[in-house]
PDB file of N, CA and C in Angstrom:
ATOM      1  N   MET A   1      -2.271  -8.157 -16.358  1.00  0.00           N
ATOM      2  CA  MET A   1      -1.512  -7.885 -15.037  1.00  0.00           C
ATOM      3  C   MET A   1      -0.707  -9.018 -14.563  1.00  0.00           C
ATOM      4  N   ALA A   2      -1.202 -10.264 -14.766  1.00  0.00           N
ATOM      5  CA  ALA A   2      -0.212 -11.240 -14.201  1.00  0.00           C
ATOM      6  C   ALA A   2       0.774 -11.383 -14.963  1.00  0.00           C
ATOM      7  N   GLY A   3       0.869 -11.359 -16.446  1.00  0.00           N
ATOM      8  CA  GLY A   3       1.901 -11.486 -17.375  1.00  0.00           C
ATOM      9  C   GLY A   3       3.011 -10.282 -17.018  1.00  0.00           C
ATOM     10  N   LEU A   4       2.483  -9.063 -16.687  1.00  0.00           N
ATOM     11  CA  LEU A   4       3.431  -8.089 -16.593  1.00  0.00           C
ATOM     12  C   LEU A   4       4.271  -8.351 -15.203  1.00  0.00           C
ATOM     13  N   ALA A   5       3.607  -8.894 -14.222  1.00  0.00           N
ATOM     14  CA  ALA A   5       4.037  -9.209 -12.838  1.00  0.00           C
ATOM     15  C   ALA A   5       5.288 -10.286 -13.077  1.00  0.00           C
ATOM     16  N   LYS A   6       4.956 -11.277 -13.684  1.00  0.00           N
ATOM     17  CA  LYS A   6       6.057 -12.207 -14.225  1.00  0.00           C
ATOM     18  C   LYS A   6       7.226 -11.380 -14.830  1.00  0.00           C
ATOM     19  N   ALA A   7       7.233 -10.717 -15.657  1.00  0.00           N
ATOM     20  CA  ALA A   7       8.140 -10.297 -16.491  1.00  0.00           C
ATOM     21  C   ALA A   7       9.033  -9.403 -15.439  1.00  0.00           C
ATOM     22  N   SER A   8       8.412  -8.759 -14.597  1.00  0.00           N
ATOM     23  CA  SER A   8       9.520  -7.664 -13.821  1.00  0.00           C
ATOM     24  C   SER A   8       9.998  -8.373 -12.395  1.00  0.00           C
ATOM     25  N   GLY A   9       9.853  -9.715 -12.358  1.00  0.00           N
ATOM     26  CA  GLY A   9      10.393 -10.687 -11.315  1.00  0.00           C
ATOM     27  C   GLY A   9       9.510 -10.904 -10.407  1.00  0.00           C
ATOM     28  N   ALA A  10      10.214 -11.079  -8.982  1.00  0.00           N
ATOM     29  CA  ALA A  10       9.097 -11.772  -7.965  1.00  0.00           C
ATOM     30  C   ALA A  10       7.962 -11.039  -7.721  1.00  0.00           C
ATOM     31  N   LEU A  11       6.963 -11.619  -7.322  1.00  0.00           N
ATOM     32  CA  LEU A  11       5.985 -10.837  -6.539  1.00  0.00           C
ATOM     33  C   LEU A  11       5.906 -10.642  -5.047  1.00  0.00           C
ATOM     34  N   LYS A  12       5.806  -9.739  -4.338  1.00  0.00           N
ATOM     35  CA  LYS A  12       5.862  -9.400  -3.151  1.00  0.00           C
ATOM     36  C   LYS A  12       4.643  -9.013  -2.532  1.00  0.00           C
ATOM     37  N   SER A  13       4.553  -9.263  -1.129  1.00  0.00           N
ATOM     38  CA  SER A  13       3.387  -8.909  -0.320  1.00  0.00           C
ATOM     39  C   SER A  13       4.048  -8.065   0.773  1.00  0.00           C
ATOM     40  N   VAL A  14       3.138  -7.316   1.286  1.00  0.00           N
ATOM     41  CA  VAL A  14       3.734  -6.398   2.480  1.00  0.00           C
ATOM     42  C   VAL A  14       2.383  -5.902   3.349  1.00  0.00           C
ATOM     43  N   ASP A  15       2.484  -6.010   4.584  1.00  0.00           N
ATOM     44  CA  ASP A  15       1.504  -5.374   5.498  1.00  0.00           C
ATOM     45  C   ASP A  15       2.117  -4.136   5.861  1.00  0.00           C
ATOM     46  N   TYR A  16       1.200  -2.893   6.111  1.00  0.00           N
ATOM     47  CA  TYR A  16       1.603  -1.559   6.584  1.00  0.00           C
ATOM     48  C   TYR A  16       0.868  -1.134   7.652  1.00  0.00           C
ATOM     49  N   GLU A  17       1.305  -0.307   8.519  1.00  0.00           N
ATOM     50  CA  GLU A  17       0.563   0.639   9.439  1.00  0.00           C
ATOM     51  C   GLU A  17       1.250   2.121   9.420  1.00  0.00           C
ATOM     52  N   VAL A  18       0.395   2.964   9.085  1.00  0.00           N
ATOM     53  CA  VAL A  18       0.758   4.249   9.158  1.00  0.00           C
ATOM     54  C   VAL A  18       0.412   5.100  10.134  1.00  0.00           C
ATOM     55  N   PHE A  19       1.709   5.727  10.817  1.00  0.00           N
ATOM     56  CA  PHE A  19       1.149   6.730  12.176  1.00  0.00           C
ATOM     57  C   PHE A  19       1.445   8.072  11.836  1.00  0.00           C
ATOM     58  N   GLY A  20       0.533   8.645  12.538  1.00  0.00           N
ATOM     59  CA  GLY A  20       0.592  10.434  12.234  1.00  0.00           C
ATOM     60  C   GLY A  20      -0.666  10.888  12.245  1.00  0.00           C
ATOM     61  N   ARG A  21      -0.877  12.108  11.436  1.00  0.00           N
ATOM     62  CA  ARG A  21      -1.985  12.459  11.134  1.00  0.00           C
ATOM     63  C   ARG A  21      -2.454  11.989   9.823  1.00  0.00           C
ATOM     64  N   VAL A  22      -3.177  10.938   9.847  1.00  0.00           N
ATOM     65  CA  VAL A  22      -3.727  10.037   8.434  1.00  0.00           C
ATOM     66  C   VAL A  22      -4.857   9.806   8.442  1.00  0.00           C
ATOM     67  N   GLN A  23      -5.712  10.152   9.400  1.00  0.00           N
ATOM     68  CA  GLN A  23      -7.424  10.259   9.107  1.00  0.00           C
ATOM     69  C   GLN A  23      -7.914  11.583   9.076  1.00  0.00           C
ATOM     70  N   GLY A  24      -8.967  11.404   8.218  1.00  0.00           N
ATOM     71  CA  GLY A  24      -9.578  12.613   7.852  1.00  0.00           C
ATOM     72  C   GLY A  24      -8.756  13.788   7.235  1.00  0.00           C
ATOM     73  N   VAL A  25      -7.777  13.145   6.433  1.00  0.00           N
ATOM     74  CA  VAL A  25      -6.903  14.014   5.457  1.00  0.00           C
ATOM     75  C   VAL A  25      -6.808  13.386   4.272  1.00  0.00           C
ATOM     76  N   CYS A  26      -7.723  12.355   3.582  1.00  0.00           N
ATOM     77  CA  CYS A  26      -7.858  11.841   2.323  1.00  0.00           C
ATOM     78  C   CYS A  26      -6.988  10.908   2.285  1.00  0.00           C
ATOM     79  N   PHE A  27      -6.313  10.191   3.369  1.00  0.00           N
ATOM     80  CA  PHE A  27      -5.127   9.579   3.027  1.00  0.00           C
ATOM     81  C   PHE A  27      -5.704   8.118   2.347  1.00  0.00           C
ATOM     82  N   ARG A  28      -6.821   7.560   2.836  1.00  0.00           N
ATOM     83  CA  ARG A  28      -7.084   6.534   2.082  1.00  0.00           C
ATOM     84  C   ARG A  28      -7.190   6.667   0.561  1.00  0.00           C
ATOM     85  N   MET A  29      -7.817   7.624   0.096  1.00  0.00           N
ATOM     86  CA  MET A  29      -8.271   7.930  -1.156  1.00  0.00           C
ATOM     87  C   MET A  29      -6.826   8.204  -1.914  1.00  0.00           C
ATOM     88  N   TYR A  30      -6.093   8.967  -1.377  1.00  0.00           N
ATOM     89  CA  TYR A  30      -4.639   9.016  -2.169  1.00  0.00           C
ATOM     90  C   TYR A  30      -3.924   7.693  -2.205  1.00  0.00           C
ATOM     91  N   THR A  31      -3.973   7.030  -1.222  1.00  0.00           N
ATOM     92  CA  THR A  31      -3.411   5.547  -1.211  1.00  0.00           C
ATOM     93  C   THR A  31      -3.904   4.822  -2.426  1.00  0.00           C
ATOM     94  N   GLU A  32      -5.222   4.868  -2.366  1.00  0.00           N
ATOM     95  CA  GLU A  32      -5.736   3.801  -3.586  1.00  0.00           C
ATOM     96  C   GLU A  32      -5.300   4.589  -4.910  1.00  0.00           C
ATOM     97  N   GLU A  33      -5.330   5.901  -5.001  1.00  0.00           N
ATOM     98  CA  GLU A  33      -4.946   6.584  -6.286  1.00  0.00           C
ATOM     99  C   GLU A  33      -3.441   6.146  -6.795  1.00  0.00           C
ATOM    100  N   GLU A  34      -2.542   6.213  -5.539  1.00  0.00           N
ATOM    101  CA  GLU A  34      -1.029   5.941  -5.730  1.00  0.00           C
ATOM    102  C   GLU A  34      -0.801   4.326  -6.147  1.00  0.00           C
ATOM    103  N   ALA A  35      -1.660   3.575  -5.641  1.00  0.00           N
ATOM    104  CA  ALA A  35      -1.770   2.278  -5.816  1.00  0.00           C
ATOM    105  C   ALA A  35      -1.861   1.793  -7.270  1.00  0.00           C
ATOM    106  N   ARG A  36      -2.876   2.379  -7.761  1.00  0.00           N
ATOM    107  CA  ARG A  36      -3.699   2.124  -9.170  1.00  0.00           C
ATOM    108  C   ARG A  36      -2.494   2.548 -10.118  1.00  0.00           C
ATOM    109  N   LYS A  37      -1.749   3.941  -9.726  1.00  0.00           N
ATOM    110  CA  LYS A  37      -1.051   4.555 -10.543  1.00  0.00           C
ATOM    111  C   LYS A  37       0.398   3.487 -10.936  1.00  0.00           C
ATOM    112  N   LEU A  38       0.787   2.959  -9.610  1.00  0.00           N
ATOM    113  CA  LEU A  38       1.832   2.091  -9.787  1.00  0.00           C
ATOM    114  C   LEU A  38       1.789   0.839 -10.102  1.00  0.00           C
ATOM    115  N   GLY A  39       0.329   0.210 -10.269  1.00  0.00           N
ATOM    116  CA  GLY A  39      -0.208  -0.997 -10.495  1.00  0.00           C
ATOM    117  C   GLY A  39       0.166  -1.986  -9.446  1.00  0.00           C
ATOM    118  N   VAL A  40      -0.159  -1.592  -8.290  1.00  0.00           N
ATOM    119  CA  VAL A  40       0.051  -2.613  -7.074  1.00  0.00           C
ATOM    120  C   VAL A  40      -1.542  -3.039  -6.848  1.00  0.00           C
ATOM    121  N   VAL A  41      -1.887  -4.089  -5.857  1.00  0.00           N
ATOM    122  CA  VAL A  41      -3.113  -4.392  -5.620  1.00  0.00           C
ATOM    123  C   VAL A  41      -2.982  -4.551  -4.051  1.00  0.00           C
ATOM    124  N   GLY A  42      -4.142  -4.406  -3.463  1.00  0.00           N
ATOM    125  CA  GLY A  42      -4.381  -4.513  -2.099  1.00  0.00           C
ATOM    126  C   GLY A  42      -5.311  -3.970  -1.412  1.00  0.00           C
ATOM    127  N   TRP A  43      -5.446  -3.252  -0.271  1.00  0.00           N
ATOM    128  CA  TRP A  43      -6.367  -2.561   0.365  1.00  0.00           C
ATOM    129  C   TRP A  43      -5.776  -1.692   1.363  1.00  0.00           C
ATOM    130  N   VAL A  44      -6.619  -0.763   1.833  1.00  0.00           N
ATOM    131  CA  VAL A  44      -6.322   0.437   2.640  1.00  0.00           C
ATOM    132  C   VAL A  44      -7.401   0.579   3.958  1.00  0.00           C
ATOM    133  N   LYS A  45      -7.339   0.640   5.010  1.00  0.00           N
ATOM    134  CA  LYS A  45      -8.313   0.863   5.931  1.00  0.00           C
ATOM    135  C   LYS A  45      -7.953   1.903   7.188  1.00  0.00           C
ATOM    136  N   ASN A  46      -8.912   2.697   7.751  1.00  0.00           N
ATOM    137  CA  ASN A  46      -8.682   3.266   9.080  1.00  0.00           C
ATOM    138  C   ASN A  46      -8.726   2.340  10.118  1.00  0.00           C
ATOM    139  N   THR A  47      -8.050   2.679  11.207  1.00  0.00           N
ATOM    140  CA  THR A  47      -8.092   1.639  12.536  1.00  0.00           C
ATOM    141  C   THR A  47      -8.606   2.618  13.596  1.00  0.00           C
ATOM    142  N   SER A  48      -9.154   1.912  14.605  1.00  0.00           N
ATOM    143  CA  SER A  48      -9.706   2.441  15.497  1.00  0.00           C
ATOM    144  C   SER A  48      -8.610   3.295  16.658  1.00  0.00           C
ATOM    145  N   GLN A  49      -7.333   2.990  16.299  1.00  0.00           N
ATOM    146  CA  GLN A  49      -6.359   3.734  16.881  1.00  0.00           C
ATOM    147  C   GLN A  49      -5.839   4.904  16.373  1.00  0.00           C
ATOM    148  N   GLY A  50      -6.520   5.571  15.216  1.00  0.00           N
ATOM    149  CA  GLY A  50      -6.184   6.690  14.586  1.00  0.00           C
ATOM    150  C   GLY A  50      -4.976   6.260  13.517  1.00  0.00           C
ATOM    151  N   THR A  51      -4.455   5.295  12.980  1.00  0.00           N
ATOM    152  CA  THR A  51      -3.879   4.928  12.331  1.00  0.00           C
ATOM    153  C   THR A  51      -4.307   4.265  10.927  1.00  0.00           C
ATOM    154  N   VAL A  52      -3.793   4.319   9.902  1.00  0.00           N
ATOM    155  CA  VAL A  52      -4.081   3.746   8.563  1.00  0.00           C
ATOM    156  C   VAL A  52      -3.286   2.383   8.417  1.00  0.00           C
ATOM    157  N   THR A  53      -4.065   1.297   7.975  1.00  0.00           N
ATOM    158  CA  THR A  53      -3.368  -0.159   7.867  1.00  0.00           C
ATOM    159  C   THR A  53      -3.724  -0.753   6.482  1.00  0.00           C
ATOM    160  N   GLY A  54      -3.180  -1.685   6.059  1.00  0.00           N
ATOM    161  CA  GLY A  54      -3.458  -2.336   4.657  1.00  0.00           C
ATOM    162  C   GLY A  54      -2.413  -3.117   4.417  1.00  0.00           C
ATOM    163  N   GLN A  55      -2.701  -3.752   3.047  1.00  0.00           N
ATOM    164  CA  GLN A  55      -1.635  -4.583   2.379  1.00  0.00           C
ATOM    165  C   GLN A  55      -1.521  -4.126   1.052  1.00  0.00           C
ATOM    166  N   VAL A  56      -0.093  -4.405   0.459  1.00  0.00           N
ATOM    167  CA  VAL A  56       0.050  -4.150  -0.886  1.00  0.00           C
ATOM    168  C   VAL A  56       0.718  -5.402  -1.394  1.00  0.00           C
ATOM    169  N   GLN A  57       0.547  -5.819  -2.518  1.00  0.00           N
ATOM    170  CA  GLN A  57       1.009  -6.957  -3.267  1.00  0.00           C
ATOM    171  C   GLN A  57       1.089  -6.398  -4.841  1.00  0.00           C
ATOM    172  N   GLY A  58       2.424  -6.836  -5.368  1.00  0.00           N
ATOM    173  CA  GLY A  58       2.749  -6.679  -6.713  1.00  0.00           C
ATOM    174  C   GLY A  58       4.149  -6.871  -7.016  1.00  0.00           C
ATOM    175  N   PRO A  59       4.512  -6.447  -8.177  1.00  0.00           N
ATOM    176  CA  PRO A  59       6.195  -6.811  -8.445  1.00  0.00           C
ATOM    177  C   PRO A  59       6.967  -6.046  -7.408  1.00  0.00           C
ATOM    178  N   GLU A  60       8.074  -6.453  -7.057  1.00  0.00           N
ATOM    179  CA  GLU A  60       9.042  -6.321  -6.188  1.00  0.00           C
ATOM    180  C   GLU A  60       9.085  -4.813  -6.114  1.00  0.00           C
ATOM    181  N   ASP A  61       9.762  -4.092  -7.227  1.00  0.00           N
ATOM    182  CA  ASP A  61       9.895  -2.799  -7.332  1.00  0.00           C
ATOM    183  C   ASP A  61       8.770  -1.752  -7.217  1.00  0.00           C
ATOM    184  N   LYS A  62       7.550  -2.215  -7.644  1.00  0.00           N
ATOM    185  CA  LYS A  62       6.235  -1.552  -7.293  1.00  0.00           C
ATOM    186  C   LYS A  62       5.891  -1.345  -6.022  1.00  0.00           C
ATOM    187  N   VAL A  63       6.112  -2.599  -5.347  1.00  0.00           N
ATOM    188  CA  VAL A  63       5.766  -2.593  -4.014  1.00  0.00           C
ATOM    189  C   VAL A  63       6.694  -1.801  -3.090  1.00  0.00           C
ATOM    190  N   ASN A  64       7.971  -1.637  -3.537  1.00  0.00           N
ATOM    191  CA  ASN A  64       9.027  -0.843  -2.886  1.00  0.00           C
ATOM    192  C   ASN A  64       8.858   0.643  -3.152  1.00  0.00           C
ATOM    193  N   ALA A  65       8.226   0.871  -4.287  1.00  0.00           N
ATOM    194  CA  ALA A  65       7.756   2.315  -4.961  1.00  0.00           C
ATOM    195  C   ALA A  65       6.603   2.833  -3.751  1.00  0.00           C
ATOM    196  N   MET A  66       5.756   1.919  -3.544  1.00  0.00           N
ATOM    197  CA  MET A  66       4.567   2.082  -2.803  1.00  0.00           C
ATOM    198  C   MET A  66       4.923   2.157  -1.192  1.00  0.00           C
ATOM    199  N   LYS A  67       5.757   1.533  -0.704  1.00  0.00           N
ATOM    200  CA  LYS A  67       6.367   1.539   0.655  1.00  0.00           C
ATOM    201  C   LYS A  67       7.031   2.857   0.747  1.00  0.00           C
ATOM    202  N   SER A  68       7.805   3.476  -0.067  1.00  0.00           N
ATOM    203  CA  SER A  68       8.457   4.844   0.081  1.00  0.00           C
ATOM    204  C   SER A  68       7.315   5.731   0.005  1.00  0.00           C
ATOM    205  N   TRP A  69       6.156   5.459  -0.729  1.00  0.00           N
ATOM    206  CA  TRP A  69       5.043   6.742  -0.785  1.00  0.00           C
ATOM    207  C   TRP A  69       4.546   6.553   0.602  1.00  0.00           C
ATOM    208  N   LEU A  70       4.120   5.621   1.061  1.00  0.00           N
ATOM    209  CA  LEU A  70       3.393   5.537   2.420  1.00  0.00           C
ATOM    210  C   LEU A  70       4.462   5.887   3.747  1.00  0.00           C
ATOM    211  N   SER A  71       5.703   5.922   3.416  1.00  0.00           N
ATOM    212  CA  SER A  71       6.594   6.204   4.031  1.00  0.00           C
ATOM    213  C   SER A  71       6.937   7.873   4.421  1.00  0.00           C
ATOM    214  N   LYS A  72       6.778   8.476   2.989  1.00  0.00           N
ATOM    215  CA  LYS A  72       7.407   9.742   3.071  1.00  0.00           C
ATOM    216  C   LYS A  72       6.204  10.781   2.426  1.00  0.00           C
ATOM    217  N   VAL A  73       5.320  10.313   1.581  1.00  0.00           N
ATOM    218  CA  VAL A  73       4.500  11.313   0.725  1.00  0.00           C
ATOM    219  C   VAL A  73       3.021  11.629   1.389  1.00  0.00           C
ATOM    220  N   GLY A  74       2.505  10.259   1.258  1.00  0.00           N
ATOM    221  CA  GLY A  74       0.991  10.207   1.588  1.00  0.00           C
ATOM    222  C   GLY A  74       0.318  11.465   1.109  1.00  0.00           C
ATOM    223  N   SER A  75      -1.111  11.795   1.857  1.00  0.00           N
ATOM    224  CA  SER A  75      -1.937  12.841   1.101  1.00  0.00           C
ATOM    225  C   SER A  75      -1.186  14.184   1.365  1.00  0.00           C
ATOM    226  N   PRO A  76      -1.691  15.170   0.610  1.00  0.00           N
ATOM    227  CA  PRO A  76      -1.159  16.432   1.018  1.00  0.00           C
ATOM    228  C   PRO A  76      -1.375  17.265   2.274  1.00  0.00           C
ATOM    229  N   SER A  77      -2.299  16.833   3.001  1.00  0.00           N
ATOM    230  CA  SER A  77      -2.628  17.525   4.406  1.00  0.00           C
ATOM    231  C   SER A  77      -2.221  16.486   5.379  1.00  0.00           C
ATOM    232  N   SER A  78      -1.724  15.271   5.115  1.00  0.00           N
ATOM    233  CA  SER A  78      -1.519  14.003   6.137  1.00  0.00           C
ATOM    234  C   SER A  78       0.047  14.823   6.669  1.00  0.00           C
ATOM    235  N   ARG A  79       0.508  14.045   7.938  1.00  0.00           N
ATOM    236  CA  ARG A  79       1.541  14.075   8.456  1.00  0.00           C
ATOM    237  C   ARG A  79       2.051  12.672   8.684  1.00  0.00           C
ATOM    238  N   ILE A  80       3.002  11.946   8.193  1.00  0.00           N
ATOM    239  CA  ILE A  80       3.563  10.539   8.738  1.00  0.00           C
ATOM    240  C   ILE A  80       4.602  10.686   9.478  1.00  0.00           C
ATOM    241  N   ASP A  81       4.118  10.099  10.885  1.00  0.00           N
ATOM    242  CA  ASP A  81       5.320  10.087  11.795  1.00  0.00           C
ATOM    243  C   ASP A  81       6.302   8.762  11.402  1.00  0.00           C
ATOM    244  N   ARG A  82       5.528   7.785  11.375  1.00  0.00           N
ATOM    245  CA  ARG A  82       6.289   6.543  10.983  1.00  0.00           C
ATOM    246  C   ARG A  82       5.193   5.618  10.301  1.00  0.00           C
ATOM    247  N   THR A  83       6.098   4.744   9.758  1.00  0.00           N
ATOM    248  CA  THR A  83       5.245   3.648   8.936  1.00  0.00           C
ATOM    249  C   THR A  83       6.000   2.198   9.289  1.00  0.00           C
ATOM    250  N   ASN A  84       4.880   1.299   9.685  1.00  0.00           N
ATOM    251  CA  ASN A  84       5.741   0.085  10.024  1.00  0.00           C
ATOM    252  C   ASN A  84       5.175  -1.184   8.938  1.00  0.00           C
ATOM    253  N   PHE A  85       6.234  -1.745   8.503  1.00  0.00           N
ATOM    254  CA  PHE A  85       5.957  -2.643   7.584  1.00  0.00           C
ATOM    255  C   PHE A  85       6.274  -4.096   8.030  1.00  0.00           C
ATOM    256  N   SER A  86       5.229  -5.066   7.894  1.00  0.00           N
ATOM    257  CA  SER A  86       5.627  -6.347   8.368  1.00  0.00           C
ATOM    258  C   SER A  86       5.009  -7.413   7.292  1.00  0.00           C
ATOM    259  N   ASN A  87       5.491  -8.833   7.816  1.00  0.00           N
ATOM    260  CA  ASN A  87       4.961  -9.874   7.011  1.00  0.00           C
ATOM    261  C   ASN A  87       5.358  -9.766   5.497  1.00  0.00           C
ATOM    262  N   GLU A  88       6.545  -9.292   5.276  1.00  0.00           N
ATOM    263  CA  GLU A  88       7.066  -8.961   3.936  1.00  0.00           C
ATOM    264  C   GLU A  88       7.573 -10.258   3.254  1.00  0.00           C
ATOM    265  N   LYS A  89       6.928 -10.605   2.272  1.00  0.00           N
ATOM    266  CA  LYS A  89       7.162 -12.136   1.534  1.00  0.00           C
ATOM    267  C   LYS A  89       6.966 -12.264   0.153  1.00  0.00           C
ATOM    268  N   GLU A  90       7.583 -13.271  -0.575  1.00  0.00           N
ATOM    269  CA  GLU A  90       7.488 -13.513  -1.830  1.00  0.00           C
ATOM    270  C   GLU A  90       6.246 -14.129  -1.880  1.00  0.00           C
ATOM    271  N   ILE A  91       5.558 -13.882  -3.104  1.00  0.00           N
ATOM    272  CA  ILE A  91       4.288 -14.728  -3.040  1.00  0.00           C
ATOM    273  C   ILE A  91       4.241 -15.277  -4.433  1.00  0.00           C
ATOM    274  N   PRO A  92       3.405 -16.419  -4.787  1.00  0.00           N
ATOM    275  CA  PRO A  92       3.476 -17.186  -6.057  1.00  0.00           C
ATOM    276  C   PRO A  92       2.371 -16.543  -7.009  1.00  0.00           C
ATOM    277  N   LYS A  93       1.415 -15.868  -6.312  1.00  0.00           N
ATOM    278  CA  LYS A  93       0.326 -14.965  -7.100  1.00  0.00           C
ATOM    279  C   LYS A  93      -0.413 -14.057  -6.209  1.00  0.00           C
ATOM    280  N   LEU A  94      -1.165 -13.023  -7.036  1.00  0.00           N
ATOM    281  CA  LEU A  94      -1.688 -11.773  -6.478  1.00  0.00           C
ATOM    282  C   LEU A  94      -3.096 -12.441  -5.708  1.00  0.00           C
ATOM    283  N   ASP A  95      -3.332 -11.959  -4.531  1.00  0.00           N
ATOM    284  CA  ASP A  95      -4.621 -12.418  -3.853  1.00  0.00           C
ATOM    285  C   ASP A  95      -5.684 -11.375  -4.257  1.00  0.00           C
ATOM    286  N   PHE A  96      -5.417 -10.228  -4.763  1.00  0.00           N
ATOM    287  CA  PHE A  96      -6.638  -9.246  -4.967  1.00  0.00           C
ATOM    288  C   PHE A  96      -6.521  -8.931  -6.620  1.00  0.00           C
ATOM    289  N   SER A  97      -7.514  -8.489  -7.000  1.00  0.00           N
ATOM    290  CA  SER A  97      -7.453  -7.865  -8.587  1.00  0.00           C
ATOM    291  C   SER A  97      -7.393  -6.545  -8.679  1.00  0.00           C
ATOM    292  N   GLY A  98      -7.689  -5.832  -7.560  1.00  0.00           N
ATOM    293  CA  GLY A  98      -7.322  -4.376  -7.455  1.00  0.00           C
ATOM    294  C   GLY A  98      -7.152  -3.882  -6.260  1.00  0.00           C
ATOM    295  N   PHE A  99      -7.261  -2.507  -6.013  1.00  0.00           N
ATOM    296  CA  PHE A  99      -6.495  -1.931  -4.922  1.00  0.00           C
ATOM    297  C   PHE A  99      -8.032  -1.187  -4.202  1.00  0.00           C
ATOM    298  N   SER A 100      -8.554  -1.491  -2.915  1.00  0.00           N
ATOM    299  CA  SER A 100      -9.896  -0.867  -2.336  1.00  0.00           C
ATOM    300  C   SER A 100      -9.464  -0.610  -1.140  1.00  0.00           C
ATOM    301  N   THR A 101     -10.793   0.580  -0.665  1.00  0.00           N
ATOM    302  CA  THR A 101     -10.662   0.842   0.470  1.00  0.00           C
ATOM    303  C   THR A 101     -11.857   0.031   1.339  1.00  0.00           C
ATOM    304  N   ARG A 102     -11.235  -0.466   2.690  1.00  0.00           N
ATOM    305  CA  ARG A 102     -12.187  -1.319   3.346  1.00  0.00           C
ATOM    306  C   ARG A 102     -12.491  -0.390   4.745  1.00  0.00           C
ATOM    307  N   TYR A 103     -13.806  -0.984   5.011  1.00  0.00           N
ATOM    308  CA  TYR A 103     -14.375  -0.127   6.098  1.00  0.00           C
ATOM    309  C   TYR A 103     -14.648  -1.150   7.406  1.00  0.00           C
TER     310      TYR A 103
END
């Protein structure tokens, strides 16, 4: 994975928070699945405010694809009102080895 990341340019890290109907609709499970498909690492979890938050890391193009998915797609029965991205930065290496759901 690390070799792959270097080949496709800069590694990016971004925090996200998704607003809308995103709890109780398998949003975290689908997020984890999509992250694995794209080959990004990080985590996802529900918040007590009814949002879903997390962090994505990986090659810039893959992180951008995940950002698009978090903004527009989500799980089949979710409704995404808006997605906030913060702390977007270039990183020297990945902090995670996979993508996980946190509780």
